[in-house]
Amino acid sequence: MSQVLTRIALAAAVLVAAAALLNPSPERHRDKIREATGERSQVARVLGLGSLKAFASNYHSLGVASYTTAGEKTLSVGAFGLVFVPD
């Protein structure tokens, strides 16, 4: 039984370490915000609103995950090297 618990603890430690190492940087969040804004609207792409939105964002790291906000709104969420921009 203790071998099973040891393996589970080791797997959990590896997973947490991988999440910490792969936590997306502020620049990856901003790049994804620019890209997503441009994909949603051609006018926003031409006017550069994605760049403005990305510039105005604040990056927050939780160690194993991160997110960006602008005011009270969450612009992007990231973990394990991936960044998601909700609608």
N, C-alpha and C. Protein backbone atom coordinates (compact mmCIF):
# COMPACT_ATOMS: atom_id res chain seq x y z
N MET A 1 0.82 -1.19 0.00
CA MET A 1 0.00 0.00 0.00
C MET A 1 0.87 1.26 0.00
N SER A 2 1.99 1.25 0.71
CA SER A 2 2.82 2.45 0.77
C SER A 2 3.49 2.73 -0.58
N GLN A 3 3.74 1.68 -1.38
CA GLN A 3 4.30 1.90 -2.72
C GLN A 3 3.31 2.64 -3.61
N VAL A 4 2.06 2.31 -3.48
CA VAL A 4 1.02 2.97 -4.26
C VAL A 4 0.95 4.45 -3.87
N LEU A 5 0.97 4.74 -2.58
CA LEU A 5 0.92 6.13 -2.12
C LEU A 5 2.17 6.89 -2.54
N THR A 6 3.31 6.23 -2.52
CA THR A 6 4.55 6.86 -2.95
C THR A 6 4.49 7.21 -4.43
N ARG A 7 3.97 6.31 -5.24
CA ARG A 7 3.85 6.57 -6.68
C ARG A 7 2.86 7.69 -6.96
N ILE A 8 1.77 7.72 -6.23
CA ILE A 8 0.78 8.78 -6.41
C ILE A 8 1.39 10.13 -6.02
N ALA A 9 2.11 10.16 -4.90
CA ALA A 9 2.75 11.40 -4.46
C ALA A 9 3.81 11.86 -5.47
N LEU A 10 4.56 10.93 -6.01
CA LEU A 10 5.58 11.26 -7.00
C LEU A 10 4.94 11.80 -8.29
N ALA A 11 3.88 11.16 -8.72
CA ALA A 11 3.17 11.62 -9.92
C ALA A 11 2.59 13.02 -9.71
N ALA A 12 2.03 13.26 -8.54
CA ALA A 12 1.48 14.58 -8.23
C ALA A 12 2.58 15.64 -8.21
N ALA A 13 3.73 15.30 -7.65
CA ALA A 13 4.86 16.24 -7.60
C ALA A 13 5.37 16.56 -9.00
N VAL A 14 5.44 15.55 -9.86
CA VAL A 14 5.87 15.77 -11.24
C VAL A 14 4.86 16.65 -11.97
N LEU A 15 3.59 16.42 -11.76
CA LEU A 15 2.54 17.21 -12.40
C LEU A 15 2.60 18.67 -11.96
N VAL A 16 2.78 18.92 -10.69
CA VAL A 16 2.88 20.29 -10.17
C VAL A 16 4.14 20.97 -10.71
N ALA A 17 5.25 20.25 -10.74
CA ALA A 17 6.50 20.81 -11.28
C ALA A 17 6.35 21.16 -12.75
N ALA A 18 5.72 20.27 -13.52
CA ALA A 18 5.50 20.54 -14.95
C ALA A 18 4.61 21.77 -15.13
N ALA A 19 3.57 21.89 -14.33
CA ALA A 19 2.67 23.04 -14.42
C ALA A 19 3.42 24.33 -14.12
N ALA A 20 4.28 24.31 -13.12
CA ALA A 20 5.05 25.51 -12.77
C ALA A 20 6.03 25.89 -13.88
N LEU A 21 6.68 24.91 -14.47
CA LEU A 21 7.65 25.18 -15.54
C LEU A 21 6.99 25.64 -16.83
N LEU A 22 5.79 25.16 -17.10
CA LEU A 22 5.09 25.48 -18.34
C LEU A 22 4.10 26.64 -18.22
N ASN A 23 4.10 27.31 -17.07
CA ASN A 23 3.19 28.43 -16.86
C ASN A 23 3.45 29.51 -17.92
N PRO A 24 2.43 29.91 -18.70
CA PRO A 24 2.63 30.88 -19.77
C PRO A 24 3.10 32.24 -19.25
N SER A 25 3.98 32.87 -20.02
CA SER A 25 4.53 34.17 -19.66
C SER A 25 3.52 35.28 -19.99
N PRO A 26 3.77 36.48 -19.48
CA PRO A 26 2.88 37.60 -19.83
C PRO A 26 2.83 37.86 -21.33
N GLU A 27 3.96 37.70 -22.01
CA GLU A 27 4.00 37.95 -23.45
C GLU A 27 3.16 36.92 -24.22
N ARG A 28 3.16 35.66 -23.77
CA ARG A 28 2.33 34.65 -24.44
C ARG A 28 0.85 34.98 -24.28
N HIS A 29 0.46 35.48 -23.10
CA HIS A 29 -0.92 35.90 -22.89
C HIS A 29 -1.26 37.06 -23.83
N ARG A 30 -0.39 38.04 -23.90
CA ARG A 30 -0.66 39.21 -24.74
C ARG A 30 -0.72 38.85 -26.22
N ASP A 31 0.16 37.96 -26.65
CA ASP A 31 0.12 37.51 -28.05
C ASP A 31 -1.21 36.83 -28.36
N LYS A 32 -1.67 35.99 -27.46
CA LYS A 32 -2.93 35.27 -27.68
C LYS A 32 -4.12 36.23 -27.67
N ILE A 33 -4.08 37.26 -26.82
CA ILE A 33 -5.16 38.25 -26.80
C ILE A 33 -5.21 39.01 -28.12
N ARG A 34 -4.03 39.42 -28.63
CA ARG A 34 -3.97 40.11 -29.93
C ARG A 34 -4.55 39.23 -31.03
N GLU A 35 -4.13 37.98 -31.05
CA GLU A 35 -4.57 37.03 -32.07
C GLU A 35 -6.07 36.79 -32.01
N ALA A 36 -6.59 36.55 -30.81
CA ALA A 36 -8.02 36.26 -30.66
C ALA A 36 -8.88 37.47 -31.02
N THR A 37 -8.43 38.66 -30.65
CA THR A 37 -9.20 39.86 -30.99
C THR A 37 -9.23 40.08 -32.49
N GLY A 38 -8.12 39.84 -33.16
CA GLY A 38 -8.05 39.99 -34.62
C GLY A 38 -8.89 38.97 -35.34
N GLU A 39 -8.98 37.75 -34.79
CA GLU A 39 -9.79 36.70 -35.43
C GLU A 39 -11.27 36.99 -35.32
N ARG A 40 -11.68 37.65 -34.26
CA ARG A 40 -13.10 37.88 -34.03
C ARG A 40 -13.64 39.03 -34.85
N SER A 41 -12.77 39.99 -35.19
CA SER A 41 -13.25 41.15 -35.93
C SER A 41 -12.15 41.71 -36.83
N GLN A 42 -12.45 41.84 -38.11
CA GLN A 42 -11.49 42.41 -39.05
C GLN A 42 -11.26 43.90 -38.76
N VAL A 43 -12.29 44.57 -38.32
CA VAL A 43 -12.16 45.99 -37.99
C VAL A 43 -11.21 46.15 -36.80
N ALA A 44 -11.36 45.29 -35.80
CA ALA A 44 -10.47 45.35 -34.64
C ALA A 44 -9.03 45.06 -35.05
N ARG A 45 -8.84 44.15 -35.99
CA ARG A 45 -7.49 43.84 -36.48
C ARG A 45 -6.88 45.05 -37.18
N VAL A 46 -7.66 45.69 -38.05
CA VAL A 46 -7.15 46.84 -38.80
C VAL A 46 -6.83 48.01 -37.87
N LEU A 47 -7.68 48.23 -36.88
CA LEU A 47 -7.47 49.35 -35.95
C LEU A 47 -6.45 49.02 -34.85
N GLY A 48 -6.04 47.77 -34.75
CA GLY A 48 -5.06 47.39 -33.73
C GLY A 48 -5.62 47.33 -32.33
N LEU A 49 -6.91 47.04 -32.21
CA LEU A 49 -7.53 46.99 -30.90
C LEU A 49 -7.00 45.84 -30.05
N GLY A 50 -6.57 44.77 -30.69
CA GLY A 50 -6.00 43.65 -29.94
C GLY A 50 -4.72 44.05 -29.24
N SER A 51 -3.89 44.85 -29.90
CA SER A 51 -2.66 45.34 -29.29
C SER A 51 -2.97 46.26 -28.12
N LEU A 52 -3.97 47.10 -28.28
CA LEU A 52 -4.37 48.01 -27.21
C LEU A 52 -4.90 47.23 -26.01
N LYS A 53 -5.73 46.25 -26.30
CA LYS A 53 -6.30 45.41 -25.24
C LYS A 53 -5.20 44.64 -24.51
N ALA A 54 -4.25 44.11 -25.27
CA ALA A 54 -3.15 43.36 -24.67
C ALA A 54 -2.26 44.27 -23.82
N PHE A 55 -2.02 45.49 -24.30
CA PHE A 55 -1.18 46.44 -23.58
C PHE A 55 -1.82 46.83 -22.25
N ALA A 56 -3.13 46.94 -22.23
CA ALA A 56 -3.85 47.36 -21.03
C ALA A 56 -4.07 46.24 -20.03
N SER A 57 -3.66 45.02 -20.36
CA SER A 57 -3.92 43.88 -19.48
C SER A 57 -2.89 43.81 -18.35
N ASN A 58 -3.33 43.26 -17.23
CA ASN A 58 -2.48 43.02 -16.06
C ASN A 58 -2.31 41.52 -15.89
N TYR A 59 -1.05 41.08 -15.79
CA TYR A 59 -0.72 39.66 -15.68
C TYR A 59 -0.70 39.25 -14.20
N HIS A 60 -1.30 38.08 -13.92
CA HIS A 60 -1.31 37.54 -12.56
C HIS A 60 -0.88 36.08 -12.63
N SER A 61 0.14 35.72 -11.85
CA SER A 61 0.61 34.34 -11.83
C SER A 61 0.21 33.67 -10.53
N LEU A 62 -0.24 32.45 -10.63
CA LEU A 62 -0.59 31.64 -9.46
C LEU A 62 0.45 30.55 -9.23
N GLY A 63 1.56 30.62 -9.92
CA GLY A 63 2.61 29.62 -9.81
C GLY A 63 2.45 28.51 -10.82
N VAL A 64 1.31 27.85 -10.81
CA VAL A 64 1.05 26.75 -11.74
C VAL A 64 0.06 27.13 -12.84
N ALA A 65 -0.49 28.32 -12.75
CA ALA A 65 -1.42 28.84 -13.74
C ALA A 65 -1.32 30.36 -13.71
N SER A 66 -1.88 31.01 -14.72
CA SER A 66 -1.83 32.47 -14.77
C SER A 66 -3.05 33.00 -15.50
N TYR A 67 -3.29 34.29 -15.32
CA TYR A 67 -4.40 34.93 -16.01
C TYR A 67 -4.10 36.41 -16.19
N THR A 68 -4.80 37.04 -17.12
CA THR A 68 -4.68 38.48 -17.31
C THR A 68 -6.05 39.11 -17.13
N THR A 69 -6.03 40.34 -16.63
CA THR A 69 -7.27 41.08 -16.43
C THR A 69 -7.12 42.48 -16.99
N ALA A 70 -8.25 43.08 -17.30
CA ALA A 70 -8.35 44.49 -17.63
C ALA A 70 -9.55 45.01 -16.85
N GLY A 71 -9.28 45.78 -15.84
CA GLY A 71 -10.34 46.20 -14.92
C GLY A 71 -10.84 44.99 -14.16
N GLU A 72 -12.12 44.74 -14.23
CA GLU A 72 -12.73 43.60 -13.54
C GLU A 72 -12.88 42.38 -14.44
N LYS A 73 -12.54 42.52 -15.72
CA LYS A 73 -12.76 41.45 -16.69
C LYS A 73 -11.51 40.60 -16.88
N THR A 74 -11.69 39.28 -16.88
CA THR A 74 -10.59 38.36 -17.17
C THR A 74 -10.47 38.22 -18.68
N LEU A 75 -9.28 38.54 -19.20
CA LEU A 75 -9.06 38.48 -20.64
C LEU A 75 -8.54 37.13 -21.10
N SER A 76 -7.67 36.50 -20.30
CA SER A 76 -7.11 35.21 -20.69
C SER A 76 -6.74 34.40 -19.46
N VAL A 77 -6.70 33.08 -19.67
CA VAL A 77 -6.33 32.13 -18.61
C VAL A 77 -5.33 31.16 -19.22
N GLY A 78 -4.28 30.83 -18.48
CA GLY A 78 -3.28 29.94 -19.03
C GLY A 78 -2.76 28.93 -18.01
N ALA A 79 -2.39 27.76 -18.51
CA ALA A 79 -1.78 26.71 -17.70
C ALA A 79 -1.16 25.68 -18.64
N PHE A 80 -0.11 25.01 -18.18
CA PHE A 80 0.56 23.96 -18.94
C PHE A 80 0.97 24.42 -20.35
N GLY A 81 1.38 25.68 -20.46
CA GLY A 81 1.85 26.20 -21.74
C GLY A 81 0.75 26.64 -22.68
N LEU A 82 -0.49 26.52 -22.31
CA LEU A 82 -1.63 26.90 -23.15
C LEU A 82 -2.30 28.15 -22.62
N VAL A 83 -2.77 28.99 -23.52
CA VAL A 83 -3.49 30.20 -23.13
C VAL A 83 -4.85 30.19 -23.82
N PHE A 84 -5.89 30.45 -23.05
CA PHE A 84 -7.26 30.49 -23.56
C PHE A 84 -7.83 31.89 -23.38
N VAL A 85 -8.48 32.39 -24.40
CA VAL A 85 -9.13 33.71 -24.35
C VAL A 85 -10.63 33.47 -24.45
N PRO A 86 -11.34 33.63 -23.33
CA PRO A 86 -12.81 33.42 -23.39
C PRO A 86 -13.48 34.51 -24.20
N ASP A 87 -14.69 34.25 -24.67
CA ASP A 87 -15.43 35.21 -25.51
C ASP A 87 -15.77 36.45 -24.75
